[in-house]
């Protein structure tokens, strides 16, 4: 993932796609919204879960936005993911559930 984050950083820089961190957060929320829109449309608001379709490029857009945000915040996305996985493992071991409550 480190390589992917570096690719995004380089692309952003080469194409002058800088912006504020607040912009990055809003962009990520917008991209996640597009995934939700795909899910809503293809499943008739969840009524037909077997019909679920999300376009691959929408996942890519969200991933790009997330990696750009991580870079803006000085967060290594790969390290953050590893910490998150460890957190979920500990929750499951301690309570049998992945949730925090």
N, C-alpha and C. Protein backbone atom coordinates (compact mmCIF):
# COMPACT_ATOMS: atom_id res chain seq x y z
N UNK A 1 0.83 -1.19 0.00
CA UNK A 1 0.00 0.00 0.00
C UNK A 1 0.87 1.25 0.00
N UNK A 2 2.05 1.14 0.58
CA UNK A 2 2.95 2.30 0.61
C UNK A 2 3.23 2.78 -0.81
N UNK A 3 3.43 1.84 -1.73
CA UNK A 3 3.67 2.20 -3.12
C UNK A 3 2.47 2.93 -3.70
N UNK A 4 1.27 2.49 -3.36
CA UNK A 4 0.05 3.14 -3.86
C UNK A 4 -0.06 4.57 -3.32
N UNK A 5 0.25 4.73 -2.06
CA UNK A 5 0.18 6.07 -1.47
C UNK A 5 1.20 6.99 -2.13
N UNK A 6 2.39 6.46 -2.39
CA UNK A 6 3.41 7.26 -3.07
C UNK A 6 2.98 7.62 -4.49
N UNK A 7 2.33 6.69 -5.19
CA UNK A 7 1.82 6.97 -6.54
C UNK A 7 0.80 8.10 -6.52
N UNK A 8 -0.10 8.05 -5.54
CA UNK A 8 -1.11 9.10 -5.43
C UNK A 8 -0.44 10.44 -5.13
N UNK A 9 0.48 10.46 -4.19
CA UNK A 9 1.20 11.70 -3.86
C UNK A 9 1.86 12.28 -5.10
N UNK A 10 2.53 11.44 -5.87
CA UNK A 10 3.23 11.88 -7.07
C UNK A 10 2.23 12.41 -8.11
N UNK A 11 1.13 11.70 -8.30
CA UNK A 11 0.12 12.12 -9.27
C UNK A 11 -0.47 13.47 -8.88
N UNK A 12 -0.79 13.62 -7.60
CA UNK A 12 -1.36 14.88 -7.11
C UNK A 12 -0.38 16.02 -7.37
N UNK A 13 0.89 15.79 -7.06
CA UNK A 13 1.90 16.83 -7.24
C UNK A 13 2.10 17.15 -8.73
N UNK A 14 2.26 16.12 -9.55
CA UNK A 14 2.51 16.33 -10.98
C UNK A 14 1.36 17.02 -11.69
N UNK A 15 0.15 16.83 -11.19
CA UNK A 15 -1.02 17.38 -11.86
C UNK A 15 -1.63 18.56 -11.11
N UNK A 16 -0.86 19.09 -10.17
CA UNK A 16 -1.28 20.28 -9.42
C UNK A 16 -2.69 20.12 -8.84
N UNK A 17 -2.90 18.98 -8.18
CA UNK A 17 -4.20 18.69 -7.60
C UNK A 17 -4.23 18.96 -6.09
N UNK A 18 -3.39 19.90 -5.68
CA UNK A 18 -3.35 20.24 -4.27
C UNK A 18 -4.68 20.82 -3.81
N UNK A 19 -4.87 20.77 -2.55
CA UNK A 19 -6.08 21.33 -1.95
C UNK A 19 -5.92 21.27 -0.45
N UNK A 20 -6.85 21.84 0.25
CA UNK A 20 -6.79 21.82 1.70
C UNK A 20 -7.15 20.43 2.20
N UNK A 21 -6.78 20.16 3.43
CA UNK A 21 -7.14 18.87 4.03
C UNK A 21 -8.66 18.77 4.14
N UNK A 22 -9.32 19.87 4.44
CA UNK A 22 -10.78 19.86 4.50
C UNK A 22 -11.37 19.45 3.15
N UNK A 23 -10.79 19.95 2.06
CA UNK A 23 -11.23 19.55 0.72
C UNK A 23 -11.07 18.05 0.55
N UNK A 24 -9.94 17.50 0.98
CA UNK A 24 -9.70 16.06 0.85
C UNK A 24 -10.76 15.25 1.59
N UNK A 25 -11.13 15.70 2.77
CA UNK A 25 -12.15 14.99 3.55
C UNK A 25 -13.49 15.04 2.83
N UNK A 26 -13.85 16.20 2.32
CA UNK A 26 -15.12 16.33 1.59
C UNK A 26 -15.10 15.52 0.30
N UNK A 27 -13.96 15.49 -0.37
CA UNK A 27 -13.83 14.70 -1.59
C UNK A 27 -14.02 13.22 -1.29
N UNK A 28 -13.40 12.74 -0.20
CA UNK A 28 -13.56 11.34 0.19
C UNK A 28 -15.03 11.03 0.50
N UNK A 29 -15.68 11.91 1.23
CA UNK A 29 -17.10 11.70 1.55
C UNK A 29 -17.93 11.64 0.28
N UNK A 30 -17.61 12.48 -0.69
CA UNK A 30 -18.32 12.47 -1.97
C UNK A 30 -18.12 11.15 -2.71
N UNK A 31 -16.89 10.66 -2.71
CA UNK A 31 -16.60 9.40 -3.40
C UNK A 31 -17.31 8.23 -2.71
N UNK A 32 -17.34 8.21 -1.40
CA UNK A 32 -18.07 7.17 -0.67
C UNK A 32 -19.56 7.28 -0.98
N UNK A 33 -20.03 8.51 -1.11
CA UNK A 33 -21.42 8.73 -1.48
C UNK A 33 -21.76 8.14 -2.84
N UNK A 34 -20.81 8.17 -3.77
CA UNK A 34 -21.04 7.59 -5.10
C UNK A 34 -21.13 6.07 -5.01
N UNK A 35 -20.36 5.46 -4.11
CA UNK A 35 -20.47 4.01 -3.89
C UNK A 35 -21.84 3.69 -3.31
N UNK A 36 -22.26 4.48 -2.34
CA UNK A 36 -23.59 4.27 -1.74
C UNK A 36 -24.70 4.47 -2.77
N UNK A 37 -24.50 5.44 -3.66
CA UNK A 37 -25.49 5.67 -4.72
C UNK A 37 -25.61 4.47 -5.64
N UNK A 38 -24.46 3.89 -6.03
CA UNK A 38 -24.49 2.67 -6.84
C UNK A 38 -25.27 1.57 -6.12
N UNK A 39 -24.98 1.39 -4.85
CA UNK A 39 -25.64 0.34 -4.07
C UNK A 39 -27.14 0.61 -3.96
N UNK A 40 -27.49 1.85 -3.73
CA UNK A 40 -28.90 2.22 -3.61
C UNK A 40 -29.66 1.94 -4.90
N UNK A 41 -29.08 2.37 -6.00
CA UNK A 41 -29.75 2.21 -7.30
C UNK A 41 -29.87 0.75 -7.71
N UNK A 42 -28.80 0.00 -7.55
CA UNK A 42 -28.81 -1.38 -8.06
C UNK A 42 -29.59 -2.34 -7.18
N UNK A 43 -29.81 -1.98 -5.92
CA UNK A 43 -30.54 -2.89 -5.02
C UNK A 43 -31.94 -2.39 -4.70
N UNK A 44 -32.37 -1.32 -5.37
CA UNK A 44 -33.67 -0.72 -5.06
C UNK A 44 -33.76 -0.43 -3.56
N UNK A 45 -32.81 0.38 -3.11
CA UNK A 45 -32.71 0.79 -1.70
C UNK A 45 -32.56 -0.40 -0.76
N UNK A 46 -31.79 -1.38 -1.19
CA UNK A 46 -31.49 -2.53 -0.33
C UNK A 46 -32.49 -3.66 -0.40
N UNK A 47 -33.54 -3.48 -1.17
CA UNK A 47 -34.58 -4.51 -1.26
C UNK A 47 -34.10 -5.76 -1.99
N UNK A 48 -33.17 -5.59 -2.91
CA UNK A 48 -32.69 -6.71 -3.73
C UNK A 48 -31.17 -6.81 -3.61
N UNK A 49 -30.70 -7.24 -2.45
CA UNK A 49 -29.26 -7.27 -2.18
C UNK A 49 -28.48 -8.10 -3.20
N UNK A 50 -29.09 -9.11 -3.76
CA UNK A 50 -28.41 -9.95 -4.75
C UNK A 50 -28.09 -9.20 -6.04
N UNK A 51 -28.73 -8.05 -6.25
CA UNK A 51 -28.50 -7.26 -7.45
C UNK A 51 -27.41 -6.20 -7.25
N UNK A 52 -26.78 -6.19 -6.09
CA UNK A 52 -25.79 -5.17 -5.76
C UNK A 52 -24.66 -5.12 -6.79
N UNK A 53 -24.42 -3.91 -7.28
CA UNK A 53 -23.31 -3.67 -8.19
C UNK A 53 -22.71 -2.31 -7.83
N UNK A 54 -21.41 -2.31 -7.66
CA UNK A 54 -20.66 -1.07 -7.44
C UNK A 54 -19.58 -1.03 -8.49
N UNK A 55 -19.49 0.09 -9.19
CA UNK A 55 -18.50 0.22 -10.26
C UNK A 55 -17.09 0.22 -9.68
N UNK A 56 -16.21 -0.51 -10.33
CA UNK A 56 -14.81 -0.62 -9.90
C UNK A 56 -14.16 0.76 -9.80
N UNK A 57 -14.43 1.63 -10.75
CA UNK A 57 -13.79 2.95 -10.72
C UNK A 57 -14.22 3.78 -9.53
N UNK A 58 -15.42 3.52 -9.01
CA UNK A 58 -15.86 4.24 -7.81
C UNK A 58 -15.05 3.81 -6.59
N UNK A 59 -14.74 2.52 -6.51
CA UNK A 59 -13.87 2.04 -5.43
C UNK A 59 -12.49 2.67 -5.59
N UNK A 60 -11.99 2.70 -6.82
CA UNK A 60 -10.70 3.33 -7.09
C UNK A 60 -10.68 4.80 -6.72
N UNK A 61 -11.75 5.52 -7.05
CA UNK A 61 -11.83 6.94 -6.71
C UNK A 61 -11.78 7.15 -5.20
N UNK A 62 -12.52 6.32 -4.47
CA UNK A 62 -12.54 6.44 -3.01
C UNK A 62 -11.16 6.11 -2.43
N UNK A 63 -10.53 5.08 -2.97
CA UNK A 63 -9.20 4.69 -2.51
C UNK A 63 -8.19 5.81 -2.78
N UNK A 64 -8.26 6.40 -3.97
CA UNK A 64 -7.38 7.52 -4.32
C UNK A 64 -7.59 8.66 -3.32
N UNK A 65 -8.84 9.01 -3.07
CA UNK A 65 -9.14 10.12 -2.15
C UNK A 65 -8.66 9.82 -0.74
N UNK A 66 -8.82 8.58 -0.30
CA UNK A 66 -8.38 8.19 1.04
C UNK A 66 -6.86 8.28 1.16
N UNK A 67 -6.15 7.80 0.15
CA UNK A 67 -4.69 7.86 0.19
C UNK A 67 -4.18 9.30 0.12
N UNK A 68 -4.84 10.13 -0.66
CA UNK A 68 -4.47 11.55 -0.72
C UNK A 68 -4.69 12.21 0.63
N UNK A 69 -5.79 11.88 1.29
CA UNK A 69 -6.07 12.43 2.62
C UNK A 69 -5.03 11.96 3.63
N UNK A 70 -4.71 10.68 3.61
CA UNK A 70 -3.70 10.15 4.53
C UNK A 70 -2.39 10.90 4.34
N UNK A 71 -2.00 11.13 3.11
CA UNK A 71 -0.76 11.86 2.85
C UNK A 71 -0.82 13.27 3.39
N UNK A 72 -1.94 13.95 3.16
CA UNK A 72 -2.10 15.31 3.69
C UNK A 72 -1.96 15.35 5.21
N UNK A 73 -2.43 14.30 5.86
CA UNK A 73 -2.39 14.24 7.32
C UNK A 73 -1.07 13.68 7.85
N UNK A 74 -0.18 13.28 6.95
CA UNK A 74 1.09 12.71 7.37
C UNK A 74 0.95 11.32 7.96
N UNK A 75 -0.07 10.61 7.52
CA UNK A 75 -0.35 9.26 8.02
C UNK A 75 0.09 8.24 6.98
N UNK A 76 0.84 7.24 7.41
CA UNK A 76 1.19 6.14 6.54
C UNK A 76 -0.01 5.20 6.51
N UNK A 77 -0.68 5.13 5.36
CA UNK A 77 -1.92 4.36 5.24
C UNK A 77 -1.71 2.89 5.57
N UNK A 78 -0.58 2.33 5.19
CA UNK A 78 -0.30 0.92 5.47
C UNK A 78 -0.18 0.68 6.97
N UNK A 79 0.53 1.55 7.66
CA UNK A 79 0.64 1.42 9.12
C UNK A 79 -0.72 1.58 9.79
N UNK A 80 -1.51 2.54 9.31
CA UNK A 80 -2.83 2.76 9.87
C UNK A 80 -3.70 1.52 9.71
N UNK A 81 -3.62 0.88 8.54
CA UNK A 81 -4.39 -0.33 8.30
C UNK A 81 -3.95 -1.45 9.23
N UNK A 82 -2.65 -1.63 9.39
CA UNK A 82 -2.14 -2.68 10.28
C UNK A 82 -2.63 -2.46 11.72
N UNK A 83 -2.61 -1.20 12.17
CA UNK A 83 -3.09 -0.90 13.52
C UNK A 83 -4.58 -1.20 13.65
N UNK A 84 -5.32 -0.90 12.61
CA UNK A 84 -6.76 -1.15 12.62
C UNK A 84 -7.05 -2.65 12.67
N UNK A 85 -6.34 -3.42 11.87
CA UNK A 85 -6.51 -4.88 11.87
C UNK A 85 -6.21 -5.43 13.26
N UNK A 86 -5.14 -4.95 13.87
CA UNK A 86 -4.78 -5.41 15.22
C UNK A 86 -5.87 -5.05 16.22
N UNK A 87 -6.43 -3.86 16.09
CA UNK A 87 -7.50 -3.43 16.97
C UNK A 87 -8.70 -4.36 16.85
N UNK A 88 -9.08 -4.71 15.61
CA UNK A 88 -10.21 -5.62 15.41
C UNK A 88 -9.92 -7.01 15.95
N UNK A 89 -8.68 -7.48 15.76
CA UNK A 89 -8.31 -8.79 16.30
C UNK A 89 -8.47 -8.81 17.81
N UNK A 90 -7.99 -7.77 18.47
CA UNK A 90 -8.08 -7.70 19.93
C UNK A 90 -9.54 -7.65 20.39
N UNK A 91 -10.37 -6.90 19.68
CA UNK A 91 -11.79 -6.84 20.04
C UNK A 91 -12.43 -8.22 19.93
N UNK A 92 -12.15 -8.90 18.84
CA UNK A 92 -12.73 -10.23 18.63
C UNK A 92 -12.25 -11.20 19.70
N UNK A 93 -10.96 -11.13 20.00
CA UNK A 93 -10.41 -12.00 21.05
C UNK A 93 -11.02 -11.72 22.41
N UNK A 94 -11.24 -10.44 22.71
CA UNK A 94 -11.74 -10.05 24.03
C UNK A 94 -13.25 -10.21 24.20
N UNK A 95 -14.00 -9.94 23.13
CA UNK A 95 -15.46 -9.95 23.28
C UNK A 95 -16.17 -10.86 22.29
N UNK A 96 -15.44 -11.37 21.30
CA UNK A 96 -16.08 -12.19 20.28
C UNK A 96 -16.75 -11.35 19.19
N UNK A 97 -16.65 -10.03 19.29
CA UNK A 97 -17.28 -9.13 18.35
C UNK A 97 -16.27 -8.10 17.83
N UNK A 98 -16.38 -7.70 16.58
CA UNK A 98 -15.45 -6.70 16.05
C UNK A 98 -15.79 -5.27 16.45
N UNK A 99 -17.03 -5.04 16.87
CA UNK A 99 -17.46 -3.67 17.23
C UNK A 99 -16.88 -3.21 18.55
N UNK A 100 -16.90 -1.90 18.76
CA UNK A 100 -16.30 -1.34 19.96
C UNK A 100 -17.24 -1.28 21.14
N UNK A 101 -18.50 -1.63 20.95
CA UNK A 101 -19.42 -1.52 22.10
C UNK A 101 -19.76 -2.83 22.72
